[in-house]
């Protein structure tokens, strides 16, 4: 992504660009939310939320963590798409505070009441949708109108979760599924743009002897449509046999696209390799979920975590690290802390996947996977927190 133009601001550097506070807040929340869930899962102890623990856990990682990452990414990308100035200063602070208020009120909704918590929690996605709609329409950036559709669906999904907690209808599982499906569709769409593009640029510069990724063509568009359709089908009919076969085809299509992007040539550059790994988790997760629906050979939640911990967790960290470095003037090189982040989140995904086969050690493996996940995001919050809260670098700096 090109570097957008920024106004000079007199306030804290953290609020000079959207990716800075939202990436940091997302990482901190991801590091906190999983241990809270693990304690609730094994001991029954849970903060005073009106949501059942099994609903709160995915809700907060989708509409808390995931929404913050999407906000940071779009607030940084949209100025490049539209040519308009980015959101900075006071308006950005208010948007971050709305997100934070949602996290706090949902956590204590059993005390303050679910109606108040629902209203406050939904305020952020609605406000963010309005901000993005204003920028895309004002900039006449019609190519990215699908982003408005995705953000609208996230609002609907979040509402569905709250409707069950309010006692209106039993839609919480569907609401969380809507959120997961939307994030996966965004990964398929955005990942399909940035992974081959970044790989092509790097290969031309550092490995000119290696063929660049195959250019996008009609077959890529068809493959993307198939992958997106399979995810939407799962969102609507999660248990149907046709959905299982659709996911198998969708995962195969995603894997075919990935095979054209020369991932094997990026082994020496972790910042690029992790993008390929994240997209690989998308393909593998769709295949596993489809095979599980058709043949019922593992708990559905296990296959699902290949998509959440694997695809969503890995790809969002890949984007957060790369964007944080590039947009703060740091070299696009993975230092030891960045490599540690990538290794930890990859191990967390693998352990979560195999934990179901661990027998008596299953709970221990779940805890280890959760700890690896939390440590990965804690390292991001500490190492990249210094980057995100400091001015743009003007000279050579050490890799993070």
Protein backbone atom coordinates (compact mmCIF):
# COMPACT_ATOMS: atom_id res chain seq x y z
CA UNK A 1 0.00 0.00 0.00
CA UNK A 2 1.23 3.50 -0.76
CA UNK A 3 1.73 5.85 2.19
CA UNK A 4 -1.26 8.19 2.52
CA UNK A 5 -0.86 11.91 3.15
CA UNK A 6 -1.20 12.94 6.78
CA UNK A 7 -1.87 16.31 8.35
CA UNK A 8 0.54 17.51 11.00
CA UNK A 9 -1.11 16.97 14.39
CA UNK A 10 -0.23 18.36 17.80
CA UNK A 11 -1.80 15.48 19.71
CA UNK A 12 -0.37 12.07 20.57
CA UNK A 13 1.34 10.29 17.70
CA UNK A 14 -0.78 7.22 18.49
CA UNK A 15 -3.84 9.01 17.08
CA UNK A 16 -2.18 10.41 13.96
CA UNK A 17 -3.27 7.44 11.82
CA UNK A 18 -5.99 4.81 12.13
CA UNK A 19 -3.74 1.76 12.07
CA UNK A 20 -1.79 2.92 15.13
CA UNK A 21 -4.43 2.77 17.91
CA UNK A 22 -6.56 0.04 16.34
CA UNK A 23 -3.74 -2.43 15.71
CA UNK A 24 -2.41 -1.88 19.22
CA UNK A 25 -5.85 -2.17 20.83
CA UNK A 26 -6.64 -5.29 18.78
CA UNK A 27 -3.43 -7.01 19.91
CA UNK A 28 -3.98 -6.19 23.57
CA UNK A 29 -7.55 -7.46 23.47
CA UNK A 30 -6.57 -10.65 21.64
CA UNK A 31 -3.94 -11.33 24.32
CA UNK A 32 -6.51 -10.83 27.11
CA UNK A 33 -9.65 -12.43 25.70
CA UNK A 34 -8.28 -15.94 25.12
CA UNK A 35 -6.98 -16.48 28.70
CA UNK A 36 -10.32 -15.21 30.03
CA UNK A 37 -12.07 -17.81 27.87
CA UNK A 38 -9.71 -20.62 28.92
CA UNK A 39 -10.36 -19.89 32.60
CA UNK A 40 -14.11 -19.90 31.95
CA UNK A 41 -13.86 -23.12 29.92
CA UNK A 42 -11.94 -25.07 32.55
CA UNK A 43 -13.21 -23.58 35.83
CA UNK A 44 -16.53 -21.95 35.02
CA UNK A 45 -15.31 -18.59 36.34
CA UNK A 46 -16.43 -15.80 34.06
CA UNK A 47 -16.58 -11.97 34.28
CA UNK A 48 -20.09 -10.55 34.81
CA UNK A 49 -21.18 -10.65 31.17
CA UNK A 50 -24.75 -11.45 30.17
CA UNK A 51 -23.43 -13.58 27.33
CA UNK A 52 -22.76 -17.29 27.91
CA UNK A 53 -19.02 -17.93 27.82
CA UNK A 54 -19.30 -20.01 24.65
CA UNK A 55 -20.93 -17.02 22.90
CA UNK A 56 -18.75 -14.30 24.44
CA UNK A 57 -15.51 -15.99 23.29
CA UNK A 58 -16.11 -15.90 19.51
CA UNK A 59 -18.05 -12.63 19.75
CA UNK A 60 -15.12 -10.78 21.27
CA UNK A 61 -12.56 -12.22 18.88
CA UNK A 62 -14.77 -11.42 15.87
CA UNK A 63 -16.49 -8.16 16.79
CA UNK A 64 -13.78 -7.02 19.19
CA UNK A 65 -10.40 -8.09 17.83
CA UNK A 66 -11.41 -8.68 14.21
CA UNK A 67 -13.38 -5.44 13.92
CA UNK A 68 -10.44 -3.44 15.29
CA UNK A 69 -8.04 -4.95 12.74
CA UNK A 70 -10.50 -4.24 9.92
CA UNK A 71 -10.83 -0.65 11.16
CA UNK A 72 -7.08 -0.13 11.30
CA UNK A 73 -6.62 -1.60 7.84
CA UNK A 74 -9.44 0.32 6.16
CA UNK A 75 -8.64 3.65 7.81
CA UNK A 76 -5.14 3.32 6.33
CA UNK A 77 -6.15 1.93 2.93
CA UNK A 78 -9.13 4.15 2.11
CA UNK A 79 -7.06 7.36 1.79
CA UNK A 80 -4.98 5.56 -0.86
CA UNK A 81 -8.15 4.48 -2.67
CA UNK A 82 -9.91 7.86 -2.52
CA UNK A 83 -7.13 10.46 -2.37
CA UNK A 84 -8.82 12.00 0.69
CA UNK A 85 -7.11 12.82 3.97
CA UNK A 86 -7.09 10.08 6.63
CA UNK A 87 -9.10 10.20 9.84
CA UNK A 88 -6.86 11.66 12.57
CA UNK A 89 -6.91 13.35 15.96
CA UNK A 90 -10.18 13.87 17.81
CA UNK A 91 -12.48 11.96 15.44
CA UNK A 92 -10.13 8.97 15.57
CA UNK A 93 -9.98 9.13 19.37
CA UNK A 94 -13.79 9.06 19.52
CA UNK A 95 -13.93 6.04 17.23
CA UNK A 96 -11.40 4.16 19.35
CA UNK A 97 -13.30 5.06 22.52
CA UNK A 98 -16.50 3.68 21.00
CA UNK A 99 -14.73 0.38 20.29
CA UNK A 100 -13.28 0.28 23.82
CA UNK A 101 -16.64 1.09 25.38
CA UNK A 102 -18.13 -1.87 23.54
CA UNK A 103 -15.51 -4.24 24.95
CA UNK A 104 -16.02 -3.02 28.51
CA UNK A 105 -19.82 -2.92 28.46
CA UNK A 106 -20.14 -6.40 26.92
CA UNK A 107 -17.77 -7.72 29.58
CA UNK A 108 -19.90 -6.27 32.41
CA UNK A 109 -23.29 -6.53 30.68
CA UNK A 110 -24.57 -8.73 33.49
CA UNK A 111 -24.22 -5.72 35.79
CA UNK A 112 -25.27 -2.79 33.60
CA UNK A 113 -27.90 -4.73 31.63
CA UNK A 114 -27.77 -6.20 28.15
CA UNK A 115 -29.86 -3.44 26.49
CA UNK A 116 -27.30 -0.78 27.44
CA UNK A 117 -24.38 -3.04 26.52
CA UNK A 118 -25.90 -3.94 23.16
CA UNK A 119 -26.53 -0.31 22.28
CA UNK A 120 -23.02 0.77 23.20
CA UNK A 121 -21.37 -2.21 21.51
CA UNK A 122 -23.27 -1.67 18.26
CA UNK A 123 -22.42 2.04 18.23
CA UNK A 124 -18.87 1.39 17.01
CA UNK A 125 -19.61 -0.73 13.91
CA UNK A 126 -22.46 1.61 12.93
CA UNK A 127 -20.26 4.70 13.33
CA UNK A 128 -17.39 3.06 11.48
CA UNK A 129 -19.70 2.03 8.63
CA UNK A 130 -20.83 5.66 8.35
CA UNK A 131 -17.21 6.88 8.24
CA UNK A 132 -16.22 4.41 5.53
CA UNK A 133 -19.38 5.11 3.50
CA UNK A 134 -18.69 8.84 3.62
CA UNK A 135 -15.10 8.41 2.41
CA UNK A 136 -15.88 5.94 -0.39
CA UNK A 137 -18.85 7.95 -1.68
CA UNK A 138 -17.07 11.32 -1.39
CA UNK A 139 -14.05 9.89 -3.18
CA UNK A 140 -16.27 8.16 -5.80
CA UNK A 141 -14.32 4.98 -5.14
CA UNK A 142 -17.01 2.65 -6.47
CA UNK A 143 -14.57 -0.26 -6.90
CA UNK A 144 -14.48 -0.72 -3.13
CA UNK A 145 -18.22 -0.57 -2.48
CA UNK A 146 -18.05 -4.29 -1.46
CA UNK A 147 -16.34 -3.07 1.70
CA UNK A 148 -19.56 -1.31 2.68
CA UNK A 149 -21.44 -4.56 2.14
CA UNK A 150 -18.96 -6.43 4.36
CA UNK A 151 -19.17 -3.83 7.13
CA UNK A 152 -22.98 -3.84 6.96
CA UNK A 153 -22.99 -7.63 7.33
CA UNK A 154 -20.73 -7.32 10.38
CA UNK A 155 -23.25 -4.94 11.96
CA UNK A 156 -26.05 -7.43 11.28
CA UNK A 157 -24.03 -10.33 12.69
CA UNK A 158 -23.23 -8.43 15.87
CA UNK A 159 -26.90 -7.51 16.24
CA UNK A 160 -27.92 -11.15 15.89
CA UNK A 161 -25.66 -12.09 18.82
CA UNK A 162 -27.16 -9.40 21.02
CA UNK A 163 -30.73 -10.29 20.07
CA UNK A 164 -30.34 -13.70 21.70
CA UNK A 165 -28.79 -12.22 24.82
CA UNK A 166 -31.76 -9.84 24.96
CA UNK A 167 -34.06 -12.87 24.83
CA UNK A 168 -35.62 -11.94 21.48
CA UNK A 169 -34.57 -14.97 19.44
CA UNK A 170 -31.94 -17.71 19.32
CA UNK A 171 -29.52 -16.20 16.82
CA UNK A 172 -26.20 -15.89 18.67
CA UNK A 173 -24.50 -18.83 16.95
CA UNK A 174 -25.70 -17.54 13.58
CA UNK A 175 -24.45 -14.06 14.44
CA UNK A 176 -20.96 -15.28 15.27
CA UNK A 177 -20.98 -17.42 12.14
CA UNK A 178 -21.88 -14.35 10.07
CA UNK A 179 -18.88 -12.53 11.53
CA UNK A 180 -16.46 -15.38 10.85
CA UNK A 181 -17.74 -15.79 7.29
CA UNK A 182 -17.34 -12.07 6.62
CA UNK A 183 -13.76 -11.99 7.89
CA UNK A 184 -12.92 -15.06 5.79
CA UNK A 185 -14.43 -13.45 2.70
CA UNK A 186 -12.36 -10.32 3.33
CA UNK A 187 -9.21 -12.44 3.65
CA UNK A 188 -10.03 -14.17 0.36
CA UNK A 189 -10.63 -10.83 -1.36
CA UNK A 190 -7.92 -8.61 0.15
CA UNK A 191 -5.40 -11.44 0.47
CA UNK A 192 -5.90 -12.21 -3.21
CA UNK A 193 -4.83 -8.64 -3.97
CA UNK A 194 -1.91 -8.11 -1.61
CA UNK A 195 -0.20 -11.52 -1.44
CA UNK A 196 0.67 -11.81 -5.15
CA UNK A 197 1.32 -8.06 -5.42
CA UNK A 198 3.79 -7.90 -2.53
CA UNK A 199 5.41 -11.15 -3.66
CA UNK A 200 5.83 -9.85 -7.21
CA UNK A 201 7.45 -6.61 -6.01
CA UNK A 202 9.87 -8.46 -3.73
CA UNK A 203 10.87 -11.04 -6.32
CA UNK A 204 11.56 -8.37 -8.95
CA UNK A 205 13.82 -6.55 -6.50
CA UNK A 206 15.58 -9.38 -4.69
CA UNK A 207 15.17 -12.54 -6.78
CA UNK A 208 14.85 -11.49 -10.42
CA UNK A 209 15.81 -15.00 -11.54
CA UNK A 210 12.53 -16.38 -10.11
CA UNK A 211 9.32 -16.12 -12.20
CA UNK A 212 6.83 -13.70 -10.68
CA UNK A 213 3.33 -14.77 -9.58
CA UNK A 214 0.93 -15.47 -12.40
CA UNK A 215 -1.08 -12.35 -13.25
CA UNK A 216 -4.71 -12.22 -12.22
CA UNK A 217 -7.06 -13.45 -14.91
CA UNK A 218 -10.61 -14.63 -15.34
CA UNK A 219 -9.88 -17.97 -13.67
CA UNK A 220 -8.75 -16.12 -10.53
CA UNK A 221 -12.00 -14.20 -10.41
CA UNK A 222 -13.98 -17.42 -10.79
CA UNK A 223 -11.90 -19.12 -8.06
CA UNK A 224 -12.45 -16.18 -5.70
CA UNK A 225 -16.18 -16.25 -6.40
CA UNK A 226 -16.29 -19.99 -5.67
CA UNK A 227 -14.42 -19.53 -2.38
CA UNK A 228 -16.67 -16.65 -1.32
CA UNK A 229 -19.80 -18.57 -2.31
CA UNK A 230 -18.73 -21.58 -0.23
CA UNK A 231 -18.25 -19.36 2.82
CA UNK A 232 -21.64 -17.72 2.31
CA UNK A 233 -23.26 -21.14 1.92
CA UNK A 234 -21.73 -22.23 5.24
CA UNK A 235 -22.99 -19.04 6.85
CA UNK A 236 -26.55 -19.84 5.77
CA UNK A 237 -26.62 -23.67 5.90
CA UNK A 238 -23.81 -24.72 8.25
CA UNK A 239 -24.74 -28.39 8.55
CA UNK A 240 -26.01 -29.28 5.07
CA UNK A 241 -24.17 -31.87 2.98
CA UNK A 242 -24.17 -29.49 0.02
CA UNK A 243 -22.32 -26.99 2.19
CA UNK A 244 -19.65 -29.56 2.98
CA UNK A 245 -19.02 -30.28 -0.68
CA UNK A 246 -19.14 -26.55 -1.43
CA UNK A 247 -16.45 -25.86 1.17
CA UNK A 248 -14.27 -28.61 -0.28
CA UNK A 249 -14.53 -26.99 -3.70
CA UNK A 250 -14.01 -23.51 -2.21
CA UNK A 251 -10.92 -24.62 -0.29
CA UNK A 252 -9.53 -26.28 -3.41
CA UNK A 253 -10.10 -23.05 -5.37
CA UNK A 254 -8.29 -21.03 -2.71
CA UNK A 255 -5.42 -23.50 -2.73
CA UNK A 256 -5.19 -23.29 -6.52
CA UNK A 257 -4.91 -19.51 -6.36
CA UNK A 258 -2.22 -19.74 -3.67
CA UNK A 259 -0.19 -22.19 -5.79
CA UNK A 260 0.17 -19.50 -8.48
CA UNK A 261 1.79 -16.92 -6.17
CA UNK A 262 5.34 -18.35 -5.81
CA UNK A 263 5.20 -18.74 -2.03
CA UNK A 264 8.09 -21.20 -2.04
CA UNK A 265 10.39 -18.45 -3.31
CA UNK A 266 9.73 -16.27 -0.21
CA UNK A 267 11.26 -18.58 2.42
CA UNK A 268 14.05 -16.09 3.13
CA UNK A 269 11.60 -13.25 3.87
CA UNK A 270 9.24 -14.03 6.80
CA UNK A 271 7.12 -10.90 6.23
CA UNK A 272 6.10 -12.33 2.86
CA UNK A 273 6.10 -16.00 3.77
CA UNK A 274 3.59 -15.45 6.58
CA UNK A 275 1.09 -13.96 4.09
CA UNK A 276 1.26 -17.18 2.08
CA UNK A 277 0.92 -19.23 5.28
CA UNK A 278 -2.16 -17.25 6.30
CA UNK A 279 -3.82 -17.78 2.93
CA UNK A 280 -2.81 -21.44 3.11
CA UNK A 281 -4.70 -21.73 6.39
CA UNK A 282 -7.77 -20.35 4.60
CA UNK A 283 -7.58 -23.09 1.96
CA UNK A 284 -6.80 -25.84 4.49
CA UNK A 285 -9.48 -24.67 6.93
CA UNK A 286 -12.21 -24.65 4.29
CA UNK A 287 -11.18 -28.13 3.18
CA UNK A 288 -11.16 -29.46 6.76
CA UNK A 289 -14.52 -27.89 7.59
CA UNK A 290 -16.04 -29.29 4.41
CA UNK A 291 -14.62 -32.77 5.00
CA UNK A 292 -15.88 -32.70 8.58
CA UNK A 293 -19.41 -31.77 7.50
CA UNK A 294 -19.46 -34.57 4.89
CA UNK A 295 -17.63 -37.32 6.81
CA UNK A 296 -17.93 -36.18 10.48
CA UNK A 297 -14.42 -37.24 11.49
CA UNK A 298 -13.59 -34.50 14.01
CA UNK A 299 -15.42 -31.95 16.18
CA UNK A 300 -16.65 -29.09 14.05
CA UNK A 301 -15.00 -26.56 16.36
CA UNK A 302 -11.62 -28.11 15.59
CA UNK A 303 -11.95 -27.55 11.85
CA UNK A 304 -13.41 -24.12 12.54
CA UNK A 305 -10.34 -23.12 14.56
CA UNK A 306 -8.16 -23.85 11.53
CA UNK A 307 -10.02 -20.91 10.00
CA UNK A 308 -10.16 -18.64 13.06
CA UNK A 309 -6.82 -19.18 14.79
CA UNK A 310 -5.11 -20.25 11.56
CA UNK A 311 -6.44 -18.11 8.72
CA UNK A 312 -7.80 -15.08 10.59
CA UNK A 313 -5.17 -14.98 13.33
CA UNK A 314 -2.20 -15.53 11.02
CA UNK A 315 -3.32 -13.27 8.19
CA UNK A 316 -4.29 -10.38 10.45
CA UNK A 317 -0.95 -10.52 12.27
CA UNK A 318 0.82 -10.66 8.90
CA UNK A 319 -0.99 -7.52 7.74
CA UNK A 320 -0.60 -5.72 11.08
CA UNK A 321 3.16 -6.25 11.25
CA UNK A 322 3.79 -5.32 7.62
CA UNK A 323 1.54 -2.26 7.64
CA UNK A 324 2.95 -1.04 10.97
CA UNK A 325 6.50 -1.21 9.64
CA UNK A 326 5.78 0.26 6.22
CA UNK A 327 3.57 3.10 7.38
CA UNK A 328 6.00 4.20 10.11
CA UNK A 329 9.03 4.28 7.82
CA UNK A 330 10.67 1.12 9.17
CA UNK A 331 12.37 -1.39 6.87
CA UNK A 332 10.13 -4.18 5.63
CA UNK A 333 12.30 -6.79 7.28
CA UNK A 334 11.23 -9.21 10.00
CA UNK A 335 13.42 -8.92 13.08
CA UNK A 336 13.60 -11.49 15.85
CA UNK A 337 10.45 -10.32 17.63
CA UNK A 338 8.43 -10.37 14.42
CA UNK A 339 9.67 -13.86 13.59
CA UNK A 340 8.77 -14.96 17.12
CA UNK A 341 5.23 -13.62 16.63
CA UNK A 342 4.81 -15.60 13.42
CA UNK A 343 6.17 -18.81 14.93
CA UNK A 344 4.00 -18.55 18.03
CA UNK A 345 0.73 -17.92 16.21
CA UNK A 346 1.50 -20.75 13.76
CA UNK A 347 2.21 -23.15 16.62
CA UNK A 348 -0.97 -22.02 18.38
CA UNK A 349 -3.01 -22.86 15.28
CA UNK A 350 -1.36 -26.25 14.84
CA UNK A 351 -1.76 -27.23 18.51
CA UNK A 352 -5.39 -26.13 18.55
CA UNK A 353 -5.97 -28.31 15.51
CA UNK A 354 -4.33 -31.46 16.93
CA UNK A 355 -5.50 -31.00 20.53
CA UNK A 356 -8.69 -32.97 19.84
CA UNK A 357 -6.55 -36.03 19.18
CA UNK A 358 -4.57 -35.57 22.41
CA UNK A 359 -6.76 -37.77 24.59
CA UNK A 360 -6.09 -37.05 28.25
CA UNK A 361 -3.71 -34.26 27.23
CA UNK A 362 -6.38 -32.37 25.29
CA UNK A 363 -7.01 -29.71 27.95
CA UNK A 364 -3.29 -29.17 28.43
CA UNK A 365 -2.82 -28.75 24.67
CA UNK A 366 -5.70 -26.27 24.56
CA UNK A 367 -4.07 -24.23 27.31
CA UNK A 368 -0.68 -24.32 25.60
CA UNK A 369 -2.24 -23.23 22.30
CA UNK A 370 -4.06 -20.40 24.08
CA UNK A 371 -0.88 -19.30 25.84
CA UNK A 372 1.08 -19.29 22.57
CA UNK A 373 -1.65 -17.18 20.97
CA UNK A 374 -1.66 -14.70 23.85
CA UNK A 375 2.14 -14.43 23.97
CA UNK A 376 2.25 -13.76 20.21
CA UNK A 377 -0.14 -10.82 20.60
CA UNK A 378 1.52 -9.63 23.79
CA UNK A 379 4.85 -9.48 21.95
CA UNK A 380 3.16 -7.50 19.16
CA UNK A 381 1.66 -5.09 21.71
CA UNK A 382 5.05 -4.50 23.36
CA UNK A 383 7.41 -4.54 20.37
CA UNK A 384 5.08 -2.81 17.93
CA UNK A 385 3.53 -0.59 20.59
CA UNK A 386 6.81 1.34 20.61
CA UNK A 387 6.65 1.64 16.83
CA UNK A 388 3.00 2.67 16.73
CA UNK A 389 3.32 5.33 19.44
CA UNK A 390 6.43 7.03 18.02
CA UNK A 391 6.88 9.40 15.07
CA UNK A 392 7.58 8.07 11.61
CA UNK A 393 11.21 7.02 11.26
CA UNK A 394 13.36 9.29 9.09
CA UNK A 395 16.43 7.10 8.75
CA UNK A 396 17.67 3.54 9.03
CA UNK A 397 16.23 1.67 11.99
CA UNK A 398 16.70 -1.83 13.29
CA UNK A 399 14.15 -4.47 12.27
CA UNK A 400 11.51 -5.16 14.92
